[in-house]
């Protein structure tokens, strides 16, 4: 959903250990971990930035098809901030989600945001999963797929529905034509095999892992296949594994509608600033009136109804965007001014080349991971039913995922991530998270025996640790430092209060420098 940081370096290729694994089309749920051959260590080179001067970059080569270790190789880009303390706890792999998010800059962020005494004990390692960012080859199925102005997402006429269906089919067809040899191997299990190749290349018997959003599913699947190789496991904003991926996306629609209404209630609370009314329902009516107007006449021929949704959906991920979004909403509604709206679209909603890469991987992974409905009538029924109760994001989300109805590869089976063989693990979840609703965190907590669940009560942001909440970060630091996890008597083992919502006058200059803003600029596209 948001622009991701660009890859920092072109890394030197180093051959990693080859893994013998099950064939790509075998049952993921019944997979057994293959043996791993020890690999040469990566050659690290300086690639620091002003924000992360200690960052280093390298690469490893892995098999495209892990069942054929002598076949075609692909390159994975790596980054790290090396440990500096005498006490060394091994590599800490970090992943920002997506699928499709780049992890190169993530290593610098995590290493600089954790307490220095904790980060110093780890090699914090970021990586671009296969097909992503600086890894090679990198996918971009249909450049310009999100160029404005797109058809209205709501298929209120057969012509609008056909236009959106044509876009979805065209994207799937373009992927199949450009990357026929790659798509059967762009999936979560293959990425997990890659992670174990990285572990071998680093010379580590076990890894520590810290993942956000889709990165929680990636970590849980790694733990399922390689439980003996997990030392510590942190999952923040957790994917519900029981709904991957069609049902989870329908679940998002309801949660994002609630979160959008929370934003509108915040606007109503601050009527003295925005002058849109004190009644949240009336403010909501004005927002949909703005949408109808932009559907008829896009602002500057760039922001129509679909682009408006693209701009406001990130507000469901992170409330730090609310002041900018409210300013744009008020300017358009009260004064018919479009400049703030265009600026908000450019900053938050517009897609660039990295987003094209991220979306290509998003679809490739999710469409390959599991079976999706191939009958568009089912999509139509399910999404209209959801739209009747939660209209904000339903059809935008449906078309975002619609290429999976026409995807050119066969599908794997869902992974049963339940696990009784792990050390204590730590799960973080906000109660009002829209992208990965609360129940997903509870489900995974129950499925990972011995895990501890830390809940941010009332929190609605997606990605909650290292975002300025000292209560949450205290549990994270204690776990990474000493392996300590909280133990409670209820569903949650510990509860932290949410951070306050932003104030209207805490404008861009403030939010842009906060930990939360930095994190949400790094997290991958919809997860």
Protein backbone atom coordinates (compact mmCIF):
# COMPACT_ATOMS: atom_id res chain seq x y z
CA UNK A 1 0.00 0.00 0.00
CA UNK A 2 2.83 2.41 0.69
CA UNK A 3 6.04 3.22 -1.06
CA UNK A 4 8.82 0.99 0.14
CA UNK A 5 12.39 2.12 0.54
CA UNK A 6 14.49 1.40 -2.52
CA UNK A 7 17.18 -1.25 -2.37
CA UNK A 8 20.43 0.16 -1.09
CA UNK A 9 23.01 -1.76 -2.98
CA UNK A 10 23.77 -4.07 -5.82
CA UNK A 11 25.29 -6.97 -3.93
CA UNK A 12 28.02 -9.33 -4.98
CA UNK A 13 26.79 -12.82 -5.75
CA UNK A 14 27.94 -15.59 -3.44
CA UNK A 15 26.84 -19.19 -3.84
CA UNK A 16 24.70 -20.35 -0.95
CA UNK A 17 24.06 -23.87 0.26
CA UNK A 18 21.76 -25.91 -1.89
CA UNK A 19 18.71 -27.48 -0.37
CA UNK A 20 17.00 -30.66 -1.44
CA UNK A 21 13.28 -30.28 -0.92
CA UNK A 22 9.89 -31.55 -1.91
CA UNK A 23 8.72 -30.71 -5.43
CA UNK A 24 7.03 -27.34 -5.78
CA UNK A 25 3.62 -28.91 -6.31
CA UNK A 26 3.81 -31.28 -3.36
CA UNK A 27 1.56 -30.81 -0.35
CA UNK A 28 2.88 -27.90 1.66
CA UNK A 29 1.03 -28.95 4.77
CA UNK A 30 2.76 -32.32 4.89
CA UNK A 31 6.20 -31.08 3.89
CA UNK A 32 9.21 -32.39 5.75
CA UNK A 33 12.35 -30.31 6.06
CA UNK A 34 15.19 -31.31 3.73
CA UNK A 35 18.85 -31.55 4.63
CA UNK A 36 20.90 -28.43 4.09
CA UNK A 37 24.44 -28.40 2.70
CA UNK A 38 26.82 -25.97 4.43
CA UNK A 39 27.36 -22.90 2.27
CA UNK A 40 30.05 -20.31 1.68
CA UNK A 41 29.64 -17.16 3.72
CA UNK A 42 28.40 -14.01 1.96
CA UNK A 43 30.90 -11.28 1.18
CA UNK A 44 29.67 -8.18 2.97
CA UNK A 45 30.32 -4.70 1.60
CA UNK A 46 29.52 -1.32 3.09
CA UNK A 47 26.27 0.17 1.82
CA UNK A 48 25.38 2.49 4.67
CA UNK A 49 23.21 5.57 4.38
CA UNK A 50 22.97 8.71 6.47
CA UNK A 51 20.14 7.08 8.43
CA UNK A 52 21.79 3.66 8.74
CA UNK A 53 25.55 4.12 8.40
CA UNK A 54 26.46 0.64 9.70
CA UNK A 55 24.46 -1.19 7.03
CA UNK A 56 26.26 -3.77 4.91
CA UNK A 57 25.05 -5.60 1.78
CA UNK A 58 25.73 -8.95 0.14
CA UNK A 59 23.88 -11.62 -1.82
CA UNK A 60 23.44 -15.35 -1.99
CA UNK A 61 22.45 -17.65 -4.81
CA UNK A 62 19.73 -20.24 -4.27
CA UNK A 63 18.00 -22.76 -6.54
CA UNK A 64 14.92 -21.53 -8.32
CA UNK A 65 13.50 -25.01 -7.69
CA UNK A 66 14.79 -26.32 -4.38
CA UNK A 67 14.06 -29.89 -5.50
CA UNK A 68 16.66 -29.38 -8.23
CA UNK A 69 19.71 -27.91 -6.46
CA UNK A 70 21.85 -28.30 -9.60
CA UNK A 71 19.38 -26.37 -11.75
CA UNK A 72 18.83 -22.68 -12.37
CA UNK A 73 20.02 -20.32 -9.65
CA UNK A 74 18.52 -17.01 -8.60
CA UNK A 75 20.03 -14.25 -6.46
CA UNK A 76 18.76 -12.98 -3.11
CA UNK A 77 19.86 -9.55 -1.90
CA UNK A 78 20.85 -9.34 1.78
CA UNK A 79 21.66 -6.57 4.23
CA UNK A 80 22.86 -6.58 7.78
CA UNK A 81 23.92 -4.47 10.72
CA UNK A 82 26.57 -6.62 12.42
CA UNK A 83 26.68 -7.24 16.15
CA UNK A 84 29.09 -5.23 18.26
CA UNK A 85 28.67 -6.76 21.72
CA UNK A 86 30.78 -9.55 23.18
CA UNK A 87 27.58 -11.48 23.76
CA UNK A 88 26.43 -12.72 20.35
CA UNK A 89 22.99 -14.26 19.94
CA UNK A 90 23.18 -15.04 16.22
CA UNK A 91 21.40 -13.63 13.16
CA UNK A 92 18.04 -11.91 13.54
CA UNK A 93 16.25 -12.12 10.19
CA UNK A 94 13.64 -9.39 9.68
CA UNK A 95 10.82 -9.18 7.15
CA UNK A 96 8.39 -6.26 6.58
CA UNK A 97 5.55 -8.24 5.02
CA UNK A 98 3.70 -7.92 1.76
CA UNK A 99 4.20 -10.38 0.18
CA UNK A 100 6.44 -8.18 -1.90
CA UNK A 101 8.03 -5.98 0.74
CA UNK A 102 11.75 -5.26 0.56
CA UNK A 103 13.69 -6.04 3.72
CA UNK A 104 16.98 -4.37 2.83
CA UNK A 105 16.38 -1.11 4.72
CA UNK A 106 14.39 -2.97 7.40
CA UNK A 107 17.61 -4.29 8.93
CA UNK A 108 18.86 -0.76 9.49
CA UNK A 109 15.55 0.36 10.99
CA UNK A 110 15.29 -2.56 13.42
CA UNK A 111 18.93 -2.33 14.48
CA UNK A 112 18.66 1.42 15.13
CA UNK A 113 15.27 1.32 16.86
CA UNK A 114 15.81 -1.57 19.27
CA UNK A 115 17.64 -0.65 22.48
CA UNK A 116 21.33 -0.42 21.63
CA UNK A 117 22.26 -3.05 24.19
CA UNK A 118 19.85 -5.52 22.55
CA UNK A 119 20.59 -4.79 18.90
CA UNK A 120 24.33 -5.03 19.59
CA UNK A 121 23.93 -8.73 20.40
CA UNK A 122 22.58 -9.66 16.96
CA UNK A 123 23.51 -9.54 13.34
CA UNK A 124 20.28 -7.93 12.17
CA UNK A 125 19.76 -9.33 8.68
CA UNK A 126 17.33 -8.05 6.07
CA UNK A 127 16.60 -9.75 2.77
CA UNK A 128 14.64 -9.20 -0.39
CA UNK A 129 12.63 -12.39 -0.95
CA UNK A 130 12.83 -14.05 -4.35
CA UNK A 131 11.60 -11.75 -7.07
CA UNK A 132 11.62 -8.65 -4.84
CA UNK A 133 13.60 -5.43 -5.04
CA UNK A 134 17.34 -5.97 -5.46
CA UNK A 135 17.00 -9.75 -5.76
CA UNK A 136 17.34 -11.08 -9.28
CA UNK A 137 15.35 -11.67 -11.31
CA UNK A 138 12.86 -9.08 -10.01
CA UNK A 139 9.28 -9.23 -11.27
CA UNK A 140 7.21 -6.40 -12.71
CA UNK A 141 4.39 -8.00 -14.65
CA UNK A 142 2.61 -5.01 -16.10
CA UNK A 143 4.29 -1.62 -15.54
CA UNK A 144 1.77 1.16 -15.19
CA UNK A 145 -1.02 -1.16 -14.05
CA UNK A 146 -2.14 1.40 -11.45
CA UNK A 147 -1.71 4.49 -13.62
CA UNK A 148 -4.55 6.96 -13.11
CA UNK A 149 -7.37 7.27 -13.81
CA UNK A 150 -8.59 3.69 -13.38
CA UNK A 151 -12.20 2.55 -13.72
CA UNK A 152 -14.37 3.05 -10.67
CA UNK A 153 -13.85 0.05 -8.41
CA UNK A 154 -17.57 -0.34 -7.67
CA UNK A 155 -18.98 -2.34 -10.63
CA UNK A 156 -22.29 -0.53 -10.72
CA UNK A 157 -22.71 -1.22 -14.44
CA UNK A 158 -21.75 -4.17 -16.66
CA UNK A 159 -19.33 -1.89 -18.51
CA UNK A 160 -17.46 -0.94 -15.33
CA UNK A 161 -17.29 -4.56 -14.24
CA UNK A 162 -15.96 -5.59 -17.64
CA UNK A 163 -13.31 -2.87 -17.57
CA UNK A 164 -12.04 -4.07 -14.20
CA UNK A 165 -12.19 -7.72 -15.23
CA UNK A 166 -10.19 -6.91 -18.36
CA UNK A 167 -7.52 -5.25 -16.21
CA UNK A 168 -7.31 -8.28 -13.90
CA UNK A 169 -7.11 -10.74 -16.80
CA UNK A 170 -4.50 -8.60 -18.53
CA UNK A 171 -2.34 -8.51 -15.44
CA UNK A 172 -2.51 -12.29 -14.96
CA UNK A 173 -1.81 -12.86 -18.65
CA UNK A 174 1.16 -10.50 -18.62
CA UNK A 175 2.66 -12.29 -15.63
CA UNK A 176 2.23 -15.65 -17.30
CA UNK A 177 3.80 -14.49 -20.55
CA UNK A 178 6.77 -12.66 -18.99
CA UNK A 179 7.56 -15.06 -16.17
CA UNK A 180 6.30 -18.50 -17.16
CA UNK A 181 9.45 -20.18 -15.86
CA UNK A 182 9.41 -18.29 -12.55
CA UNK A 183 5.79 -18.19 -11.36
CA UNK A 184 5.63 -21.87 -10.27
CA UNK A 185 8.37 -21.04 -7.75
CA UNK A 186 7.15 -17.70 -6.38
CA UNK A 187 5.35 -18.81 -3.24
CA UNK A 188 5.69 -18.85 0.54
CA UNK A 189 7.24 -22.32 0.78
CA UNK A 190 9.94 -21.44 -1.74
CA UNK A 191 10.68 -18.26 0.22
CA UNK A 192 10.94 -20.33 3.38
CA UNK A 193 13.44 -22.65 1.67
CA UNK A 194 15.37 -19.53 0.73
CA UNK A 195 15.43 -18.44 4.37
CA UNK A 196 17.07 -21.70 5.31
CA UNK A 197 19.59 -21.19 2.52
CA UNK A 198 20.35 -17.81 4.10
CA UNK A 199 20.73 -19.46 7.50
CA UNK A 200 23.21 -21.94 6.02
CA UNK A 201 25.11 -19.18 4.23
CA UNK A 202 25.44 -17.31 7.52
CA UNK A 203 26.84 -20.41 9.18
CA UNK A 204 24.14 -20.41 11.86
CA UNK A 205 22.63 -23.55 13.34
CA UNK A 206 19.51 -21.60 14.27
CA UNK A 207 17.98 -18.27 13.38
CA UNK A 208 16.08 -15.63 15.28
CA UNK A 209 13.21 -14.16 13.28
CA UNK A 210 11.12 -10.99 13.50
CA UNK A 211 8.31 -10.50 10.97
CA UNK A 212 5.47 -8.05 10.42
CA UNK A 213 2.16 -8.71 8.61
CA UNK A 214 2.68 -11.31 5.86
CA UNK A 215 6.09 -11.75 7.47
CA UNK A 216 4.27 -13.44 10.37
CA UNK A 217 2.94 -16.10 8.01
CA UNK A 218 6.37 -16.50 6.44
CA UNK A 219 7.87 -16.97 9.90
CA UNK A 220 5.18 -19.41 11.00
CA UNK A 221 5.67 -21.54 7.89
CA UNK A 222 9.44 -21.51 8.41
CA UNK A 223 8.89 -22.65 11.99
CA UNK A 224 6.61 -25.44 10.75
CA UNK A 225 9.18 -26.79 8.31
CA UNK A 226 12.26 -26.12 10.44
CA UNK A 227 11.22 -26.02 14.11
CA UNK A 228 14.63 -27.25 15.24
CA UNK A 229 16.25 -24.25 13.56
CA UNK A 230 14.20 -21.58 15.34
CA UNK A 231 15.83 -19.94 18.33
CA UNK A 232 13.50 -16.97 18.85
CA UNK A 233 10.40 -15.99 16.92
CA UNK A 234 8.57 -12.63 17.00
CA UNK A 235 5.34 -12.14 15.03
CA UNK A 236 3.77 -8.67 14.87
CA UNK A 237 0.30 -8.07 13.32
CA UNK A 238 -0.54 -11.62 12.53
CA UNK A 239 -2.04 -13.19 9.41
CA UNK A 240 -4.86 -15.61 10.17
CA UNK A 241 -3.59 -18.85 8.62
CA UNK A 242 -7.07 -20.36 8.51
CA UNK A 243 -8.17 -17.87 5.86
CA UNK A 244 -5.28 -17.58 3.43
CA UNK A 245 -5.91 -15.87 1.19
CA UNK A 246 -9.45 -15.36 -0.17
CA UNK A 247 -11.27 -15.43 3.16
CA UNK A 248 -8.66 -13.24 4.84
CA UNK A 249 -9.20 -10.56 2.21
CA UNK A 250 -12.97 -10.61 2.77
CA UNK A 251 -12.29 -10.29 6.50
CA UNK A 252 -10.12 -7.26 5.84
CA UNK A 253 -13.01 -5.51 4.14
CA UNK A 254 -15.09 -5.40 7.31
CA UNK A 255 -12.15 -4.39 9.48
CA UNK A 256 -11.08 -1.58 7.14
CA UNK A 257 -14.62 -0.25 7.05
CA UNK A 258 -14.56 -0.04 10.85
CA UNK A 259 -11.16 1.63 10.79
CA UNK A 260 -12.27 4.15 8.17
CA UNK A 261 -15.21 5.02 10.38
CA UNK A 262 -12.80 5.51 13.28
CA UNK A 263 -10.97 8.04 11.11
CA UNK A 264 -14.22 9.80 10.26
CA UNK A 265 -15.16 9.91 13.94
CA UNK A 266 -11.75 11.48 14.63
CA UNK A 267 -12.49 14.11 11.96
CA UNK A 268 -15.84 14.82 13.62
CA UNK A 269 -14.13 15.13 17.00
CA UNK A 270 -11.90 17.81 15.53
CA UNK A 271 -14.64 19.80 13.82
CA UNK A 272 -13.05 23.03 15.06
CA UNK A 273 -10.18 22.32 12.67
CA UNK A 274 -11.84 20.58 9.73
CA UNK A 275 -15.36 22.06 9.72
CA UNK A 276 -16.96 18.88 8.42
CA UNK A 277 -19.46 18.44 11.24
CA UNK A 278 -19.58 16.84 14.66
CA UNK A 279 -21.72 13.85 13.69
CA UNK A 280 -19.58 10.94 12.38
CA UNK A 281 -22.45 9.69 10.22
CA UNK A 282 -22.77 13.10 8.57
CA UNK A 283 -19.01 13.25 8.02
CA UNK A 284 -19.18 9.79 6.43
CA UNK A 285 -21.92 10.98 4.09
CA UNK A 286 -19.68 13.86 3.01
CA UNK A 287 -16.80 11.48 2.33
CA UNK A 288 -18.96 9.35 0.02
CA UNK A 289 -20.24 12.52 -1.63
CA UNK A 290 -16.61 13.41 -2.35
CA UNK A 291 -16.13 9.97 -3.82
CA UNK A 292 -19.15 10.33 -6.11
CA UNK A 293 -17.95 13.73 -7.28
CA UNK A 294 -14.46 12.44 -8.09
CA UNK A 295 -15.93 9.47 -9.93
CA UNK A 296 -17.67 11.96 -12.24
CA UNK A 297 -14.79 14.43 -12.48
CA UNK A 298 -11.35 13.23 -11.34
CA UNK A 299 -9.18 15.90 -9.74
CA UNK A 300 -6.57 17.12 -12.24
CA UNK A 301 -7.32 13.98 -14.28
CA UNK A 302 -5.36 12.03 -11.68
CA UNK A 303 -7.57 11.30 -8.67
CA UNK A 304 -10.83 9.58 -9.43
CA UNK A 305 -12.86 7.35 -7.12
CA UNK A 306 -10.35 4.49 -7.28
CA UNK A 307 -7.38 6.74 -6.59
CA UNK A 308 -9.27 8.35 -3.72
CA UNK A 309 -9.62 4.92 -2.15
CA UNK A 310 -5.93 4.24 -2.74
CA UNK A 311 -5.17 7.45 -0.85
CA UNK A 312 -7.41 6.80 2.14
CA UNK A 313 -6.85 3.06 2.58
CA UNK A 314 -3.37 3.66 4.09
CA UNK A 315 -5.14 5.55 6.86
CA UNK A 316 -6.47 2.17 7.92
CA UNK A 317 -2.91 0.92 8.32
CA UNK A 318 -1.54 3.89 10.22
CA UNK A 319 -3.32 6.79 11.92
CA UNK A 320 -0.28 9.03 11.46
CA UNK A 321 -1.74 9.72 8.00
CA UNK A 322 -5.01 11.03 9.41
CA UNK A 323 -4.12 14.76 9.65
CA UNK A 324 -2.98 14.89 6.02
CA UNK A 325 -6.03 12.92 4.86
CA UNK A 326 -8.42 15.07 6.87
CA UNK A 327 -6.84 18.23 5.48
CA UNK A 328 -7.34 16.97 1.93
CA UNK A 329 -10.92 15.86 2.66
CA UNK A 330 -11.84 19.22 4.23
CA UNK A 331 -10.23 21.32 1.49
CA UNK A 332 -12.09 19.45 -1.25
CA UNK A 333 -15.45 19.32 0.53
CA UNK A 334 -15.52 22.81 2.00
CA UNK A 335 -13.68 24.82 -0.66
CA UNK A 336 -13.49 22.55 -3.73
CA UNK A 337 -9.71 22.84 -3.49
CA UNK A 338 -7.89 19.86 -4.99
CA UNK A 339 -4.26 20.72 -4.24
CA UNK A 340 -4.14 19.02 -0.80
CA UNK A 341 -5.89 15.96 -2.23
CA UNK A 342 -3.43 15.70 -5.10
CA UNK A 343 -0.55 16.08 -2.65
CA UNK A 344 -1.97 13.36 -0.41
CA UNK A 345 -2.42 11.05 -3.40
CA UNK A 346 1.15 11.66 -4.55
CA UNK A 347 2.54 11.06 -1.06
CA UNK A 348 0.38 8.17 0.11
CA UNK A 349 -1.66 6.62 -2.68
CA UNK A 350 0.28 6.81 -5.94
CA UNK A 351 2.28 3.82 -7.13
CA UNK A 352 5.85 3.84 -8.43
CA UNK A 353 8.13 1.21 -9.97
CA UNK A 354 8.82 -0.46 -6.62
CA UNK A 355 5.08 -0.79 -6.09
CA UNK A 356 4.79 -2.51 -9.46
CA UNK A 357 7.38 -5.00 -8.30
CA UNK A 358 5.71 -5.40 -4.93
CA UNK A 359 2.27 -5.96 -6.45
CA UNK A 360 3.65 -8.50 -8.90
CA UNK A 361 5.12 -10.52 -6.04
CA UNK A 362 2.00 -10.04 -3.93
CA UNK A 363 -0.17 -11.61 -6.61
CA UNK A 364 2.39 -14.26 -7.59
CA UNK A 365 2.73 -15.51 -4.01
CA UNK A 366 -0.90 -15.33 -2.96
CA UNK A 367 -2.26 -16.77 -6.20
CA UNK A 368 0.22 -19.65 -6.05
CA UNK A 369 0.04 -20.39 -2.32
CA UNK A 370 -3.54 -21.66 -2.28
CA UNK A 371 -6.54 -22.19 -4.52
CA UNK A 372 -8.75 -19.18 -5.26
CA UNK A 373 -12.27 -19.28 -6.70
CA UNK A 374 -12.07 -19.49 -10.48
CA UNK A 375 -15.77 -18.75 -10.97
CA UNK A 376 -16.22 -14.99 -11.07
CA UNK A 377 -19.84 -15.40 -10.02
CA UNK A 378 -18.61 -16.42 -6.56
CA UNK A 379 -16.46 -13.30 -6.31
CA UNK A 380 -19.42 -11.19 -7.42
CA UNK A 381 -21.77 -12.71 -4.83
CA UNK A 382 -19.30 -12.58 -1.95
CA UNK A 383 -18.12 -9.05 -2.59
CA UNK A 384 -21.55 -7.53 -3.15
CA UNK A 385 -22.65 -9.16 0.11
CA UNK A 386 -19.71 -7.60 1.93
CA UNK A 387 -20.22 -4.26 0.19
CA UNK A 388 -23.74 -4.05 1.55
CA UNK A 389 -22.34 -4.00 5.09
CA UNK A 390 -18.86 -2.52 4.65
CA UNK A 391 -18.57 -0.49 1.45
CA UNK A 392 -15.32 1.42 2.01
CA UNK A 393 -12.73 -0.99 0.61
CA UNK A 394 -14.59 -4.07 -0.65
CA UNK A 395 -14.35 -3.60 -4.40
CA UNK A 396 -10.95 -1.94 -4.31
CA UNK A 397 -9.68 -5.01 -2.46
CA UNK A 398 -11.53 -7.38 -4.77
CA UNK A 399 -9.93 -5.98 -7.91
CA UNK A 400 -6.53 -5.86 -6.21
CA UNK A 401 -6.78 -9.62 -5.76
CA UNK A 402 -8.82 -10.45 -8.86
CA UNK A 403 -5.84 -11.65 -10.97
CA UNK A 404 -5.91 -14.78 -8.80
CA UNK A 405 -9.18 -15.78 -10.50
CA UNK A 406 -7.23 -16.04 -13.75
CA UNK A 407 -3.75 -16.95 -12.54
CA UNK A 408 -1.72 -19.11 -14.96
CA UNK A 409 -0.16 -21.48 -12.41
CA UNK A 410 -1.62 -24.29 -10.33
CA UNK A 411 -2.00 -23.82 -6.59
CA UNK A 412 -0.37 -25.38 -3.55
CA UNK A 413 -2.23 -26.50 -0.46
CA UNK A 414 -2.55 -24.35 2.68
CA UNK A 415 0.05 -24.90 5.37
CA UNK A 416 -1.03 -26.13 8.79
CA UNK A 417 1.22 -23.91 10.91
CA UNK A 418 0.29 -25.50 14.24
CA UNK A 419 3.45 -26.30 16.16
CA UNK A 420 4.37 -28.03 19.41
CA UNK A 421 8.14 -28.09 18.86
CA UNK A 422 9.10 -24.43 19.24
CA UNK A 423 10.85 -22.56 22.04
CA UNK A 424 8.79 -19.79 23.67
CA UNK A 425 7.67 -17.33 21.00
CA UNK A 426 6.18 -13.85 21.16
CA UNK A 427 3.07 -12.64 19.30
CA UNK A 428 1.95 -8.99 19.12
CA UNK A 429 -1.53 -7.95 17.99
CA UNK A 430 -3.65 -4.79 18.11
CA UNK A 431 -7.33 -5.28 18.82
CA UNK A 432 -8.49 -2.97 16.00
CA UNK A 433 -5.92 -3.81 13.33
CA UNK A 434 -7.65 -3.70 9.95
CA UNK A 435 -5.08 -5.38 7.73
CA UNK A 436 -4.68 -8.42 9.99
CA UNK A 437 -7.73 -8.48 12.26
CA UNK A 438 -7.35 -9.42 15.90
CA UNK A 439 -8.59 -12.99 15.64
CA UNK A 440 -5.59 -13.91 13.52
CA UNK A 441 -3.25 -13.16 16.41
CA UNK A 442 -5.37 -15.22 18.78
CA UNK A 443 -5.52 -18.13 16.33
CA UNK A 444 -1.76 -18.25 15.84
CA UNK A 445 -1.19 -17.86 19.58
CA UNK A 446 -3.28 -20.99 20.14
CA UNK A 447 -1.60 -22.89 17.32
CA UNK A 448 1.96 -22.19 18.48
CA UNK A 449 2.14 -24.09 21.73
CA UNK A 450 3.93 -22.13 24.42
CA UNK A 451 3.66 -18.78 22.65
CA UNK A 452 2.80 -15.58 24.52
CA UNK A 453 0.35 -12.99 23.19
CA UNK A 454 0.87 -9.28 23.87
CA UNK A 455 -2.17 -7.19 22.95
CA UNK A 456 -2.38 -3.47 22.22
CA UNK A 457 -5.83 -2.66 23.57
CA UNK A 458 -7.73 -0.30 21.30
CA UNK A 459 -4.83 -0.02 18.87
CA UNK A 460 -5.70 0.15 15.18
CA UNK A 461 -2.32 0.49 13.53
CA UNK A 462 -0.79 -2.35 11.56
CA UNK A 463 2.72 -3.04 12.83
CA UNK A 464 2.83 -2.00 16.47
CA UNK A 465 6.27 -2.73 17.89
CA UNK A 466 9.11 -0.26 17.34
CA UNK A 467 6.45 2.40 16.69
CA UNK A 468 6.81 4.39 19.88
CA UNK A 469 4.74 2.28 22.29
CA UNK A 470 7.17 1.77 25.19
CA UNK A 471 4.99 -0.89 26.79
CA UNK A 472 5.08 -3.12 23.73
CA UNK A 473 8.75 -2.49 23.11
CA UNK A 474 9.58 -3.46 26.69
CA UNK A 475 8.29 -6.98 26.05
CA UNK A 476 10.10 -7.15 22.70
CA UNK A 477 13.41 -6.06 24.21
CA UNK A 478 13.14 -8.47 27.15
CA UNK A 479 12.46 -11.36 24.80
CA UNK A 480 15.28 -10.61 22.41
CA UNK A 481 17.66 -9.91 25.27
CA UNK A 482 16.93 -12.81 27.61
CA UNK A 483 14.22 -14.95 26.01
CA UNK A 484 11.71 -13.80 28.63
CA UNK A 485 8.02 -13.89 27.70
CA UNK A 486 5.02 -12.76 29.75
CA UNK A 487 2.61 -15.33 31.12
CA UNK A 488 -0.98 -14.31 31.84
CA UNK A 489 -4.12 -16.09 32.94
CA UNK A 490 -6.43 -14.87 30.16
CA UNK A 491 -6.45 -14.90 26.39
CA UNK A 492 -3.66 -12.32 26.38
CA UNK A 493 -0.49 -12.78 28.38
CA UNK A 494 0.04 -9.02 28.57
CA UNK A 495 -1.97 -5.96 27.58
CA UNK A 496 -0.66 -2.53 26.62
CA UNK A 497 -2.72 0.58 26.07
CA UNK A 498 -2.65 2.10 22.61
CA UNK A 499 -0.82 5.29 21.81
CA UNK A 500 -3.00 8.42 21.61
CA UNK A 501 -4.47 9.29 18.24
CA UNK A 502 -2.70 12.16 16.48
CA UNK A 503 -3.73 15.77 16.96
CA UNK A 504 -4.74 17.80 13.90
CA UNK A 505 -1.88 20.26 14.26
CA UNK A 506 0.73 17.49 14.59
CA UNK A 507 1.17 17.84 10.87
CA UNK A 508 3.51 16.28 8.38
CA UNK A 509 6.66 17.77 9.89
CA UNK A 510 6.02 15.89 13.12
CA UNK A 511 4.63 12.58 11.90
CA UNK A 512 7.23 12.19 9.16
CA UNK A 513 10.02 11.91 11.73
CA UNK A 514 8.32 9.51 14.11
CA UNK A 515 9.22 5.86 14.52
CA UNK A 516 5.72 4.92 13.45
CA UNK A 517 5.95 6.89 10.21
CA UNK A 518 9.33 5.37 9.43
CA UNK A 519 8.09 1.84 10.09
CA UNK A 520 4.97 2.27 8.00
CA UNK A 521 7.04 3.58 5.14
CA UNK A 522 8.96 0.30 5.20
CA UNK A 523 6.14 -2.19 5.58
CA UNK A 524 5.20 -3.95 2.37
CA UNK A 525 2.00 -3.72 0.35
CA UNK A 526 -1.28 -5.23 1.42
CA UNK A 527 -0.75 -8.30 3.57
